[in-house]
Amino acid sequence: MGRNARVKLSTYTILNLASWDMNIATDELDASVFGTGWGATMPGMQKWTCAVAGLYDRADTTGQKALMDAKVAGTKLTDIRFYLDNTSYVRPDLTNDSDSGAYITGMTVKMDKSGLGQVTFNVVGVGPLAWV
């Protein structure tokens, strides 16, 4: 169930999040040649991104504020975990690629007079993922 999902930095759960949406994609390489009537593609590089969203909470110093600080400083996060349930999660695969990690490449804060503050963090992966 989605209600058991969460996102953690190290051992700290990032508070007041409501969703994360991970996209794992493969670049398509054009393998077409002269004289062919149909295009041909081959798989290229793998990549992943994730959008993390919820209620804005700057007081969450070990979670949301830490993501904001990582965004501003351009810090690579190696200890971020995206939980699918209470025990299973996805994380940068430092075992197979010691350069793996993630960067916060965007942050949107939305305030509305008739609602609660919202925040979205855009995460771009470096290297492979491990499914634990």
C-alpha atoms as a PDB file:
ATOM      1  CA  MET A   1       0.000   0.000   0.000  1.00  0.00           C
ATOM      2  CA  GLY A   2       1.223   3.466  -0.865  1.00  0.00           C
ATOM      3  CA  ARG A   3       0.515   4.723   2.634  1.00  0.00           C
ATOM      4  CA  ASN A   4       3.490   2.659   3.866  1.00  0.00           C
ATOM      5  CA  ALA A   5       5.923   4.363   1.461  1.00  0.00           C
ATOM      6  CA  ARG A   6       8.342   7.078   2.555  1.00  0.00           C
ATOM      7  CA  VAL A   7      11.634   8.733   1.650  1.00  0.00           C
ATOM      8  CA  LYS A   8      14.650   8.744   3.967  1.00  0.00           C
ATOM      9  CA  LEU A   9      17.970  10.546   4.099  1.00  0.00           C
ATOM     10  CA  SER A  10      20.327   8.328   6.062  1.00  0.00           C
ATOM     11  CA  THR A  11      18.204   7.189   9.019  1.00  0.00           C
ATOM     12  CA  TYR A  12      15.885  10.235   8.963  1.00  0.00           C
ATOM     13  CA  THR A  13      12.430  10.032   7.424  1.00  0.00           C
ATOM     14  CA  ILE A  14      11.594  13.157   5.408  1.00  0.00           C
ATOM     15  CA  LEU A  15       8.424  14.437   7.032  1.00  0.00           C
ATOM     16  CA  ASN A  16       5.071  15.366   5.486  1.00  0.00           C
ATOM     17  CA  LEU A  17       5.616  13.784   2.082  1.00  0.00           C
ATOM     18  CA  ALA A  18       2.636  12.398   0.182  1.00  0.00           C
ATOM     19  CA  SER A  19       4.102  10.924  -3.003  1.00  0.00           C
ATOM     20  CA  TRP A  20       7.177   9.972  -4.929  1.00  0.00           C
ATOM     21  CA  ASP A  21       7.206   9.152  -8.625  1.00  0.00           C
ATOM     22  CA  MET A  22      10.293   7.401 -10.033  1.00  0.00           C
ATOM     23  CA  ASN A  23      11.004   7.128 -13.747  1.00  0.00           C
ATOM     24  CA  ILE A  24      13.637   4.674 -14.989  1.00  0.00           C
ATOM     25  CA  ALA A  25      14.335   5.189 -18.684  1.00  0.00           C
ATOM     26  CA  THR A  26      16.648   4.045 -21.446  1.00  0.00           C
ATOM     27  CA  ASP A  27      17.970   6.359 -24.143  1.00  0.00           C
ATOM     28  CA  GLU A  28      17.103   5.216 -27.645  1.00  0.00           C
ATOM     29  CA  LEU A  29      20.003   5.137 -30.097  1.00  0.00           C
ATOM     30  CA  ASP A  30      19.217   5.520 -33.771  1.00  0.00           C
ATOM     31  CA  ALA A  31      20.597   2.481 -35.599  1.00  0.00           C
ATOM     32  CA  SER A  32      18.976   3.334 -38.944  1.00  0.00           C
ATOM     33  CA  VAL A  33      21.121   3.267 -42.085  1.00  0.00           C
ATOM     34  CA  PHE A  34      20.822   4.557 -45.619  1.00  0.00           C
ATOM     35  CA  GLY A  35      18.313   2.655 -47.699  1.00  0.00           C
ATOM     36  CA  THR A  36      16.117   1.363 -44.873  1.00  0.00           C
ATOM     37  CA  GLY A  37      12.438   2.194 -44.930  1.00  0.00           C
ATOM     38  CA  TRP A  38      11.914   1.782 -41.214  1.00  0.00           C
ATOM     39  CA  GLY A  39      13.817   3.308 -38.344  1.00  0.00           C
ATOM     40  CA  ALA A  40      15.826   1.044 -36.090  1.00  0.00           C
ATOM     41  CA  THR A  41      16.726   1.766 -32.505  1.00  0.00           C
ATOM     42  CA  MET A  42      18.966   0.171 -29.914  1.00  0.00           C
ATOM     43  CA  PRO A  43      19.012   0.670 -26.163  1.00  0.00           C
ATOM     44  CA  GLY A  44      21.509   3.232 -24.893  1.00  0.00           C
ATOM     45  CA  MET A  45      22.274   4.630 -21.463  1.00  0.00           C
ATOM     46  CA  GLN A  46      20.040   3.953 -18.456  1.00  0.00           C
ATOM     47  CA  LYS A  47      18.926   6.873 -16.283  1.00  0.00           C
ATOM     48  CA  TRP A  48      16.499   7.599 -13.480  1.00  0.00           C
ATOM     49  CA  THR A  49      14.654  10.559 -12.031  1.00  0.00           C
ATOM     50  CA  CYS A  50      12.210  10.955  -9.172  1.00  0.00           C
ATOM     51  CA  ALA A  51       9.707  13.633  -8.143  1.00  0.00           C
ATOM     52  CA  VAL A  52       9.083  13.788  -4.397  1.00  0.00           C
ATOM     53  CA  ALA A  53       6.106  15.842  -3.200  1.00  0.00           C
ATOM     54  CA  GLY A  54       4.134  16.684  -0.088  1.00  0.00           C
ATOM     55  CA  LEU A  55       3.323  19.390   2.427  1.00  0.00           C
ATOM     56  CA  TYR A  56       5.920  22.127   2.879  1.00  0.00           C
ATOM     57  CA  ASP A  57       7.743  21.801   6.222  1.00  0.00           C
ATOM     58  CA  ARG A  58      10.928  23.863   6.552  1.00  0.00           C
ATOM     59  CA  ALA A  59      11.065  22.931  10.263  1.00  0.00           C
ATOM     60  CA  ASP A  60      11.965  19.377   9.160  1.00  0.00           C
ATOM     61  CA  THR A  61      15.700  20.141   9.422  1.00  0.00           C
ATOM     62  CA  THR A  62      16.897  16.566   8.839  1.00  0.00           C
ATOM     63  CA  GLY A  63      14.530  16.027   5.892  1.00  0.00           C
ATOM     64  CA  GLN A  64      13.012  18.771   3.757  1.00  0.00           C
ATOM     65  CA  LYS A  65      15.515  21.439   4.833  1.00  0.00           C
ATOM     66  CA  ALA A  66      18.364  18.985   4.165  1.00  0.00           C
ATOM     67  CA  LEU A  67      17.017  18.466   0.612  1.00  0.00           C
ATOM     68  CA  MET A  68      16.767  22.254   0.148  1.00  0.00           C
ATOM     69  CA  ASP A  69      20.337  22.688   1.367  1.00  0.00           C
ATOM     70  CA  ALA A  70      21.540  19.907  -0.969  1.00  0.00           C
ATOM     71  CA  LYS A  71      19.794  21.671  -3.867  1.00  0.00           C
ATOM     72  CA  VAL A  72      21.429  25.023  -3.150  1.00  0.00           C
ATOM     73  CA  ALA A  73      24.893  23.531  -2.538  1.00  0.00           C
ATOM     74  CA  GLY A  74      24.754  21.041  -5.436  1.00  0.00           C
ATOM     75  CA  THR A  75      25.511  18.202  -3.027  1.00  0.00           C
ATOM     76  CA  LYS A  76      25.297  14.625  -4.273  1.00  0.00           C
ATOM     77  CA  LEU A  77      23.139  12.498  -1.970  1.00  0.00           C
ATOM     78  CA  THR A  78      24.349   8.940  -1.555  1.00  0.00           C
ATOM     79  CA  ASP A  79      22.128   8.006   1.383  1.00  0.00           C
ATOM     80  CA  ILE A  80      18.656   8.698  -0.054  1.00  0.00           C
ATOM     81  CA  ARG A  81      16.165   5.811   0.051  1.00  0.00           C
ATOM     82  CA  PHE A  82      12.747   5.550  -1.585  1.00  0.00           C
ATOM     83  CA  TYR A  83      10.655   3.079   0.421  1.00  0.00           C
ATOM     84  CA  LEU A  84       7.995   0.999  -1.342  1.00  0.00           C
ATOM     85  CA  ASP A  85       6.617  -0.349   1.954  1.00  0.00           C
ATOM     86  CA  ASN A  86       7.869  -0.824   5.515  1.00  0.00           C
ATOM     87  CA  THR A  87      10.976  -2.803   4.483  1.00  0.00           C
ATOM     88  CA  SER A  88      11.613  -2.651   0.712  1.00  0.00           C
ATOM     89  CA  TYR A  89      13.331   0.362  -0.829  1.00  0.00           C
ATOM     90  CA  VAL A  90      15.269   1.686  -3.803  1.00  0.00           C
ATOM     91  CA  ARG A  91      18.587   3.489  -3.337  1.00  0.00           C
ATOM     92  CA  PRO A  92      21.673   4.495  -5.329  1.00  0.00           C
ATOM     93  CA  ASP A  93      23.745   1.345  -5.913  1.00  0.00           C
ATOM     94  CA  LEU A  94      27.028   2.231  -4.206  1.00  0.00           C
ATOM     95  CA  THR A  95      28.038  -1.445  -4.108  1.00  0.00           C
ATOM     96  CA  ASN A  96      28.312  -1.756  -7.893  1.00  0.00           C
ATOM     97  CA  ASP A  97      29.180   1.893  -8.621  1.00  0.00           C
ATOM     98  CA  SER A  98      30.832   3.925  -5.860  1.00  0.00           C
ATOM     99  CA  ASP A  99      30.010   7.149  -7.752  1.00  0.00           C
ATOM    100  CA  SER A 100      26.240   6.523  -7.543  1.00  0.00           C
ATOM    101  CA  GLY A 101      23.984   9.044  -5.897  1.00  0.00           C
ATOM    102  CA  ALA A 102      21.357  11.672  -6.616  1.00  0.00           C
ATOM    103  CA  TYR A 103      21.134  15.427  -7.018  1.00  0.00           C
ATOM    104  CA  ILE A 104      18.203  17.676  -6.209  1.00  0.00           C
ATOM    105  CA  THR A 105      17.873  19.607  -9.477  1.00  0.00           C
ATOM    106  CA  GLY A 106      14.655  21.457  -8.762  1.00  0.00           C
ATOM    107  CA  MET A 107      12.455  22.516  -5.903  1.00  0.00           C
ATOM    108  CA  THR A 108       9.011  24.059  -6.167  1.00  0.00           C
ATOM    109  CA  VAL A 109       7.155  25.554  -3.221  1.00  0.00           C
ATOM    110  CA  LYS A 110       3.493  26.401  -3.777  1.00  0.00           C
ATOM    111  CA  MET A 111       1.310  28.411  -1.423  1.00  0.00           C
ATOM    112  CA  ASP A 112      -2.418  28.917  -1.908  1.00  0.00           C
ATOM    113  CA  LYS A 113      -4.771  31.043   0.172  1.00  0.00           C
ATOM    114  CA  SER A 114      -7.223  28.184   0.542  1.00  0.00           C
ATOM    115  CA  GLY A 115      -4.837  25.298   1.075  1.00  0.00           C
ATOM    116  CA  LEU A 116      -1.694  24.019   2.719  1.00  0.00           C
ATOM    117  CA  GLY A 117       1.777  24.802   1.415  1.00  0.00           C
ATOM    118  CA  GLN A 118       3.066  22.231  -1.081  1.00  0.00           C
ATOM    119  CA  VAL A 119       6.613  21.271  -1.996  1.00  0.00           C
ATOM    120  CA  THR A 120       8.070  19.202  -4.834  1.00  0.00           C
ATOM    121  CA  PHE A 121      11.697  18.115  -5.157  1.00  0.00           C
ATOM    122  CA  ASN A 122      13.081  16.931  -8.514  1.00  0.00           C
ATOM    123  CA  VAL A 123      15.740  14.253  -8.075  1.00  0.00           C
ATOM    124  CA  VAL A 124      18.141  13.140 -10.826  1.00  0.00           C
ATOM    125  CA  GLY A 125      20.070   9.936 -10.353  1.00  0.00           C
ATOM    126  CA  VAL A 126      23.747   9.297 -10.936  1.00  0.00           C
ATOM    127  CA  GLY A 127      24.573   5.683 -11.700  1.00  0.00           C
ATOM    128  CA  PRO A 128      22.514   2.556 -11.085  1.00  0.00           C
ATOM    129  CA  LEU A 129      19.832   1.795  -8.510  1.00  0.00           C
ATOM    130  CA  ALA A 130      19.711  -1.056  -6.016  1.00  0.00           C
ATOM    131  CA  TRP A 131      16.395  -2.673  -5.084  1.00  0.00           C
ATOM    132  CA  VAL A 132      16.570  -3.821  -1.484  1.00  0.00           C
END
